[in-house]
Amino acid sequence: MVNPRQARAILDQVVANIQQVILGKEIPIRQALTCWLAGGHVLFEDVPGTGKTILARAMATSVNVRTRRVQFTPDLLPSDIIGTAVFSRAQSNFVFVPGPIFTSVLLADEINRATPRTQSALLQAMAEGQCTAENKTYNLPETFFVIATQNPVEQQGTFPLPEAQLDRFMMRLGLGYPTNDVEQEVIKAQLLGHPIDRLQPVVSEAEWQQVRTLCRQVQVSDSALQYAMALVDHTRKHHQIALGGSPRATIALIRCAQAYALMGEELYIKPDFIKILAPAVLEHRLILTTQARLEGVDAADVLAEIMHNIPVPVR
């Protein structure tokens, strides 16, 4: 089993490796890795072309695990993701052929372009780490991690994710556009080929799993737990929020804070970690009232107000 110092060294290696292909985005990279370490899944809400696919490939390559990509479209079926039974002449029987969900890192590209029926095919996998097909349940890899994307601008021909499915995503992040200097570096780096093709693993899957196991051993102080619970509880009582955070939201906040602490070689959660992670963990779970939406208020505004009104414990 790795110790905290070794865990931080491993995580720094992975971050540095990913930064070879995703330039100028250390914070989103660390947040995405935090989500993976915590055992959750991440939703990237961003415009096309900002590097979401490359990030998924770089994360998988860095820890030497498999990755698959599914382009979600209106005609995509659940069996296209999970797999289906195909008749085998050699065996004179139907044989299950696994779909792309049987991987470690699954990129669900433009997830909101598929029908709700197809979107729901991911629910069991994301919640339980297994899926059911042909009346049989199959376990997915322990490192199973979904990176889903959706375009926040183009809404024509899309099917918005329901609240229950949004709640399955531990974090919602965005990469955003690079600065001019960084964009210039990106263009120069890709003139003779993409750097992702030259990227090599820096840690093994076994080492990554040991770091994930160590995350659960990070201590949660009473003050940090009470602060997290207070934030989530206030989302349930705020007059501009119709649906606040669930207990799953509180658990997600704590687990992300454990992973975030380990990145800094800490073995206990500081309340500041909760405050840093709260927007990425909570905003997408909040459903505002009709009046709030008509007034142009968004979830980020309401959560910022709640966080401003709740003092952060000193320790």
Protein backbone atom coordinates (compact mmCIF):
# COMPACT_ATOMS: atom_id res chain seq x y z
CA MET A 1 0.00 0.00 0.00
CA VAL A 2 1.29 3.46 -0.87
CA ASN A 3 1.76 6.11 1.81
CA PRO A 4 0.57 9.76 1.50
CA ARG A 5 3.95 10.98 0.22
CA GLN A 6 4.04 8.29 -2.48
CA ALA A 7 0.41 9.00 -3.36
CA ARG A 8 1.14 12.69 -3.90
CA ALA A 9 4.17 11.81 -6.04
CA ILE A 10 2.00 9.50 -8.17
CA LEU A 11 -0.69 12.14 -8.58
CA ASP A 12 1.83 14.84 -9.47
CA GLN A 13 3.28 12.51 -12.11
CA VAL A 14 -0.14 11.92 -13.63
CA VAL A 15 -0.99 15.64 -13.64
CA ALA A 16 2.36 16.54 -15.25
CA ASN A 17 1.89 13.84 -17.88
CA ILE A 18 -1.60 15.05 -18.81
CA GLN A 19 -0.33 18.63 -19.00
CA GLN A 20 1.87 17.60 -21.91
CA VAL A 21 -1.27 17.42 -24.06
CA ILE A 22 -3.73 19.66 -22.15
CA LEU A 23 -1.87 22.93 -21.73
CA GLY A 24 -2.72 25.63 -19.20
CA LYS A 25 -5.53 23.69 -17.50
CA GLU A 26 -4.00 22.34 -14.30
CA ILE A 27 -7.02 23.12 -12.10
CA PRO A 28 -9.62 21.28 -14.26
CA ILE A 29 -7.18 18.38 -14.65
CA ARG A 30 -6.76 18.09 -10.89
CA GLN A 31 -10.51 18.38 -10.37
CA ALA A 32 -11.21 15.61 -12.90
CA LEU A 33 -8.61 13.37 -11.24
CA THR A 34 -10.15 14.21 -7.85
CA CYS A 35 -13.50 12.97 -9.13
CA TRP A 36 -11.97 9.74 -10.46
CA LEU A 37 -10.11 9.12 -7.20
CA ALA A 38 -13.32 9.69 -5.25
CA GLY A 39 -15.10 6.99 -7.26
CA GLY A 40 -17.42 9.36 -9.10
CA HIS A 41 -18.06 10.49 -12.66
CA VAL A 42 -17.69 13.90 -14.26
CA LEU A 43 -19.86 15.94 -16.62
CA PHE A 44 -18.01 18.44 -18.80
CA GLU A 45 -20.30 21.20 -19.98
CA ASP A 46 -18.26 23.04 -22.57
CA VAL A 47 -18.12 24.11 -26.19
CA PRO A 48 -16.64 21.70 -28.77
CA GLY A 49 -12.93 21.66 -29.45
CA THR A 50 -11.60 22.51 -26.00
CA GLY A 51 -9.87 19.16 -25.41
CA LYS A 52 -12.41 17.01 -23.57
CA THR A 53 -11.74 13.90 -25.69
CA ILE A 54 -7.99 14.36 -25.40
CA LEU A 55 -8.30 14.74 -21.62
CA ALA A 56 -10.11 11.39 -21.38
CA ARG A 57 -7.45 9.66 -23.49
CA ALA A 58 -4.63 11.30 -21.55
CA MET A 59 -6.07 10.26 -18.18
CA ALA A 60 -6.48 6.66 -19.31
CA THR A 61 -3.04 6.51 -20.94
CA SER A 62 -1.32 7.99 -17.89
CA VAL A 63 -2.53 5.19 -15.61
CA ASN A 64 -2.31 2.49 -18.30
CA VAL A 65 -6.01 1.59 -18.58
CA ARG A 66 -8.37 1.25 -21.53
CA THR A 67 -10.59 4.04 -22.83
CA ARG A 68 -13.53 4.00 -25.25
CA ARG A 69 -15.53 6.80 -26.84
CA VAL A 70 -19.24 6.79 -27.71
CA GLN A 71 -20.77 9.54 -29.82
CA PHE A 72 -24.31 9.96 -28.52
CA THR A 73 -26.90 10.55 -31.25
CA PRO A 74 -30.74 10.35 -31.35
CA ASP A 75 -30.63 6.92 -33.02
CA LEU A 76 -28.24 5.38 -30.48
CA LEU A 77 -29.73 2.40 -28.60
CA PRO A 78 -28.92 1.08 -25.10
CA SER A 79 -27.54 -2.10 -26.68
CA ASP A 80 -25.04 0.04 -28.60
CA ILE A 81 -23.53 0.97 -25.23
CA ILE A 82 -24.00 -2.15 -23.11
CA GLY A 83 -23.69 -4.80 -25.79
CA THR A 84 -25.97 -7.42 -27.30
CA ALA A 85 -26.30 -11.17 -27.89
CA VAL A 86 -25.15 -12.42 -31.29
CA PHE A 87 -25.74 -15.90 -32.66
CA SER A 88 -22.54 -17.93 -32.91
CA ARG A 89 -22.57 -20.63 -35.55
CA ALA A 90 -19.53 -22.27 -33.95
CA GLN A 91 -21.28 -22.64 -30.58
CA SER A 92 -24.82 -22.94 -31.98
CA ASN A 93 -25.90 -20.47 -29.35
CA PHE A 94 -26.28 -16.77 -28.65
CA VAL A 95 -23.11 -15.18 -27.28
CA PHE A 96 -23.00 -11.84 -25.49
CA VAL A 97 -20.74 -9.30 -27.20
CA PRO A 98 -19.75 -6.57 -24.70
CA GLY A 99 -20.28 -2.97 -25.73
CA PRO A 100 -18.00 0.02 -25.19
CA ILE A 101 -19.16 0.42 -21.59
CA PHE A 102 -16.79 -2.41 -20.64
CA THR A 103 -13.77 -0.17 -20.27
CA SER A 104 -12.03 1.86 -17.57
CA VAL A 105 -12.56 5.37 -18.95
CA LEU A 106 -15.72 5.89 -21.02
CA LEU A 107 -16.14 9.16 -22.91
CA ALA A 108 -19.85 9.77 -23.48
CA ASP A 109 -19.64 12.55 -26.05
CA GLU A 110 -22.64 14.92 -26.32
CA ILE A 111 -24.67 12.77 -23.95
CA ASN A 112 -27.69 15.07 -24.22
CA ARG A 113 -28.15 14.23 -27.92
CA ALA A 114 -29.32 10.69 -27.14
CA THR A 115 -32.85 9.81 -26.06
CA PRO A 116 -33.65 9.40 -22.34
CA ARG A 117 -33.91 5.64 -22.86
CA THR A 118 -30.31 5.49 -24.05
CA GLN A 119 -29.08 7.95 -21.43
CA SER A 120 -30.55 5.74 -18.72
CA ALA A 121 -28.39 2.83 -19.92
CA LEU A 122 -25.55 4.47 -18.01
CA LEU A 123 -27.41 4.83 -14.70
CA GLN A 124 -26.76 1.36 -13.28
CA ALA A 125 -23.16 1.39 -14.45
CA MET A 126 -22.46 4.78 -12.87
CA ALA A 127 -24.17 3.94 -9.58
CA GLU A 128 -23.14 0.32 -9.07
CA GLY A 129 -20.14 -0.36 -11.31
CA GLN A 130 -22.04 -3.08 -13.13
CA CYS A 131 -24.61 -3.46 -15.91
CA THR A 132 -27.31 -5.92 -16.84
CA ALA A 133 -27.81 -7.41 -20.29
CA GLU A 134 -29.71 -10.48 -21.43
CA ASN A 135 -30.90 -11.05 -17.83
CA LYS A 136 -27.32 -11.34 -16.60
CA THR A 137 -25.33 -8.85 -14.53
CA TYR A 138 -21.73 -8.09 -15.47
CA ASN A 139 -19.14 -6.33 -13.33
CA LEU A 140 -17.25 -3.41 -14.83
CA PRO A 141 -13.56 -2.65 -14.14
CA GLU A 142 -12.84 -1.22 -10.69
CA THR A 143 -11.39 1.86 -12.39
CA PHE A 144 -14.62 2.50 -14.36
CA PHE A 145 -15.02 6.24 -14.87
CA VAL A 146 -17.46 8.15 -17.09
CA ILE A 147 -16.51 11.48 -18.66
CA ALA A 148 -19.68 12.83 -20.25
CA THR A 149 -19.85 16.01 -22.31
CA GLN A 150 -22.64 18.30 -23.42
CA ASN A 151 -22.71 21.54 -25.36
CA PRO A 152 -24.19 24.38 -23.26
CA VAL A 153 -24.90 26.55 -26.32
CA GLU A 154 -26.60 24.39 -28.96
CA GLN A 155 -29.86 22.97 -27.58
CA GLN A 156 -31.66 22.05 -30.82
CA GLY A 157 -32.26 18.32 -31.07
CA THR A 158 -31.12 17.61 -27.52
CA PHE A 159 -32.68 15.78 -24.57
CA PRO A 160 -31.78 17.50 -21.28
CA LEU A 161 -30.51 15.16 -18.59
CA PRO A 162 -33.14 14.53 -15.89
CA GLU A 163 -32.42 15.46 -12.29
CA ALA A 164 -31.83 11.83 -11.27
CA GLN A 165 -29.11 11.41 -13.87
CA LEU A 166 -27.46 14.76 -13.16
CA ASP A 167 -27.26 13.67 -9.53
CA ARG A 168 -25.21 10.63 -10.62
CA PHE A 169 -22.40 12.90 -11.78
CA MET A 170 -20.17 13.70 -8.84
CA MET A 171 -18.82 16.88 -10.46
CA ARG A 172 -19.59 19.22 -13.35
CA LEU A 173 -16.56 20.94 -14.86
CA GLY A 174 -15.49 22.96 -17.87
CA LEU A 175 -12.14 23.39 -19.61
CA GLY A 176 -12.92 26.69 -21.32
CA TYR A 177 -10.95 28.43 -24.04
CA PRO A 178 -7.17 28.72 -23.65
CA THR A 179 -5.37 32.03 -23.40
CA ASN A 180 -3.72 33.40 -26.54
CA ASP A 181 -0.26 32.30 -25.43
CA VAL A 182 -1.42 28.80 -24.55
CA GLU A 183 -3.39 28.47 -27.80
CA GLN A 184 -0.25 29.39 -29.73
CA GLU A 185 1.67 26.63 -27.91
CA VAL A 186 -1.13 24.15 -28.67
CA ILE A 187 -1.05 24.94 -32.40
CA LYS A 188 2.74 24.65 -32.60
CA ALA A 189 2.70 21.35 -30.70
CA GLN A 190 0.25 19.83 -33.22
CA LEU A 191 1.92 20.93 -36.46
CA LEU A 192 3.72 17.62 -36.94
CA GLY A 193 1.23 15.35 -35.17
CA HIS A 194 -0.76 15.24 -31.96
CA PRO A 195 1.20 14.91 -28.67
CA ILE A 196 -1.39 12.39 -27.40
CA ASP A 197 0.04 9.82 -29.83
CA ARG A 198 3.41 10.04 -28.05
CA LEU A 199 2.05 10.01 -24.50
CA GLN A 200 3.22 7.12 -22.31
CA PRO A 201 1.93 5.67 -19.01
CA VAL A 202 3.61 7.01 -15.88
CA VAL A 203 1.96 4.78 -13.24
CA SER A 204 0.38 1.34 -13.28
CA GLU A 205 -3.29 0.54 -12.79
CA ALA A 206 -2.39 -1.24 -9.54
CA GLU A 207 -0.67 1.89 -8.17
CA TRP A 208 -3.67 4.01 -9.14
CA GLN A 209 -5.99 1.64 -7.31
CA GLN A 210 -3.83 1.85 -4.20
CA VAL A 211 -4.10 5.64 -4.26
CA ARG A 212 -7.89 5.39 -4.62
CA THR A 213 -8.02 3.03 -1.63
CA LEU A 214 -5.92 5.42 0.44
CA CYS A 215 -8.43 8.22 -0.29
CA ARG A 216 -11.06 6.51 1.84
CA GLN A 217 -8.69 6.58 4.82
CA VAL A 218 -8.44 10.38 4.84
CA GLN A 219 -9.99 11.56 8.11
CA VAL A 220 -13.12 13.69 8.12
CA SER A 221 -13.22 16.15 11.02
CA ASP A 222 -16.53 16.99 12.67
CA SER A 223 -16.17 20.65 11.65
CA ALA A 224 -15.62 19.78 7.97
CA LEU A 225 -18.56 17.35 7.98
CA GLN A 226 -20.87 19.86 9.67
CA TYR A 227 -19.81 22.57 7.20
CA ALA A 228 -20.57 20.30 4.23
CA MET A 229 -23.93 19.35 5.73
CA ALA A 230 -24.78 23.00 6.40
CA LEU A 231 -24.08 23.97 2.78
CA VAL A 232 -26.27 21.18 1.40
CA ASP A 233 -29.01 21.78 3.98
CA HIS A 234 -29.23 25.48 3.05
CA THR A 235 -29.75 24.53 -0.60
CA ARG A 236 -32.88 22.68 0.49
CA LYS A 237 -34.26 25.70 2.35
CA HIS A 238 -33.33 28.57 0.03
CA HIS A 239 -36.37 30.39 -1.35
CA GLN A 240 -34.97 30.45 -4.90
CA ILE A 241 -34.23 26.70 -5.03
CA ALA A 242 -37.04 24.26 -5.83
CA LEU A 243 -34.86 21.16 -5.40
CA GLY A 244 -31.71 21.23 -3.28
CA GLY A 245 -28.88 18.80 -2.75
CA SER A 246 -29.63 15.22 -1.69
CA PRO A 247 -27.67 13.13 0.84
CA ARG A 248 -25.78 11.84 -2.20
CA ALA A 249 -24.57 15.40 -2.74
CA THR A 250 -23.17 15.56 0.80
CA ILE A 251 -21.42 12.21 0.37
CA ALA A 252 -19.98 13.37 -2.96
CA LEU A 253 -18.68 16.56 -1.38
CA ILE A 254 -16.93 14.65 1.41
CA ARG A 255 -15.43 12.02 -0.89
CA CYS A 256 -14.11 14.67 -3.27
CA ALA A 257 -12.60 16.52 -0.32
CA GLN A 258 -10.84 13.33 0.77
CA ALA A 259 -9.26 12.95 -2.68
CA TYR A 260 -8.41 16.65 -2.83
CA ALA A 261 -6.69 16.42 0.57
CA LEU A 262 -4.59 13.47 -0.56
CA MET A 263 -3.39 15.47 -3.57
CA GLY A 264 -1.80 17.84 -1.07
CA GLU A 265 -0.35 15.00 1.04
CA GLU A 266 -2.93 15.61 3.76
CA LEU A 267 -4.57 12.85 5.78
CA TYR A 268 -7.49 14.94 7.01
CA ILE A 269 -10.06 17.23 5.38
CA LYS A 270 -9.86 20.96 5.95
CA PRO A 271 -13.13 22.93 5.72
CA ASP A 272 -11.47 25.07 3.03
CA PHE A 273 -11.39 22.01 0.77
CA ILE A 274 -15.17 21.78 1.03
CA LYS A 275 -15.52 25.43 0.02
CA ILE A 276 -13.20 25.01 -2.98
CA LEU A 277 -15.03 21.95 -4.31
CA ALA A 278 -18.62 22.96 -3.53
CA PRO A 279 -19.37 24.76 -6.85
CA ALA A 280 -18.27 21.80 -9.00
CA VAL A 281 -20.10 19.29 -6.80
CA LEU A 282 -23.34 21.14 -6.02
CA GLU A 283 -24.28 23.62 -8.76
CA HIS A 284 -25.55 21.07 -11.30
CA ARG A 285 -27.72 19.40 -8.64
CA LEU A 286 -29.74 22.53 -7.85
CA ILE A 287 -33.07 23.15 -9.55
CA LEU A 288 -34.16 26.78 -9.28
CA THR A 289 -37.72 28.01 -8.90
CA THR A 290 -39.51 29.35 -11.97
CA GLN A 291 -39.45 32.86 -10.49
CA ALA A 292 -35.68 32.73 -9.99
CA ARG A 293 -35.12 31.64 -13.59
CA LEU A 294 -37.38 34.42 -14.86
CA GLU A 295 -35.32 36.90 -12.89
CA GLY A 296 -32.16 35.67 -14.61
CA VAL A 297 -30.68 34.04 -11.50
CA ASP A 298 -28.57 30.92 -11.99
CA ALA A 299 -27.43 28.17 -9.62
CA ALA A 300 -23.95 29.63 -9.33
CA ASP A 301 -25.36 32.90 -7.98
CA VAL A 302 -27.52 31.19 -5.38
CA LEU A 303 -24.76 28.85 -4.22
CA ALA A 304 -22.32 31.77 -3.96
CA GLU A 305 -24.82 33.56 -1.73
CA ILE A 306 -25.23 30.50 0.47
CA MET A 307 -21.46 30.04 0.79
CA HIS A 308 -21.04 33.72 1.64
CA ASN A 309 -23.59 33.48 4.45
CA ILE A 310 -22.15 30.33 6.06
CA PRO A 311 -18.82 30.96 7.80
CA VAL A 312 -16.02 28.49 7.14
CA PRO A 313 -14.90 26.76 10.34
CA VAL A 314 -11.38 27.67 11.43
CA ARG A 315 -10.33 24.03 11.71
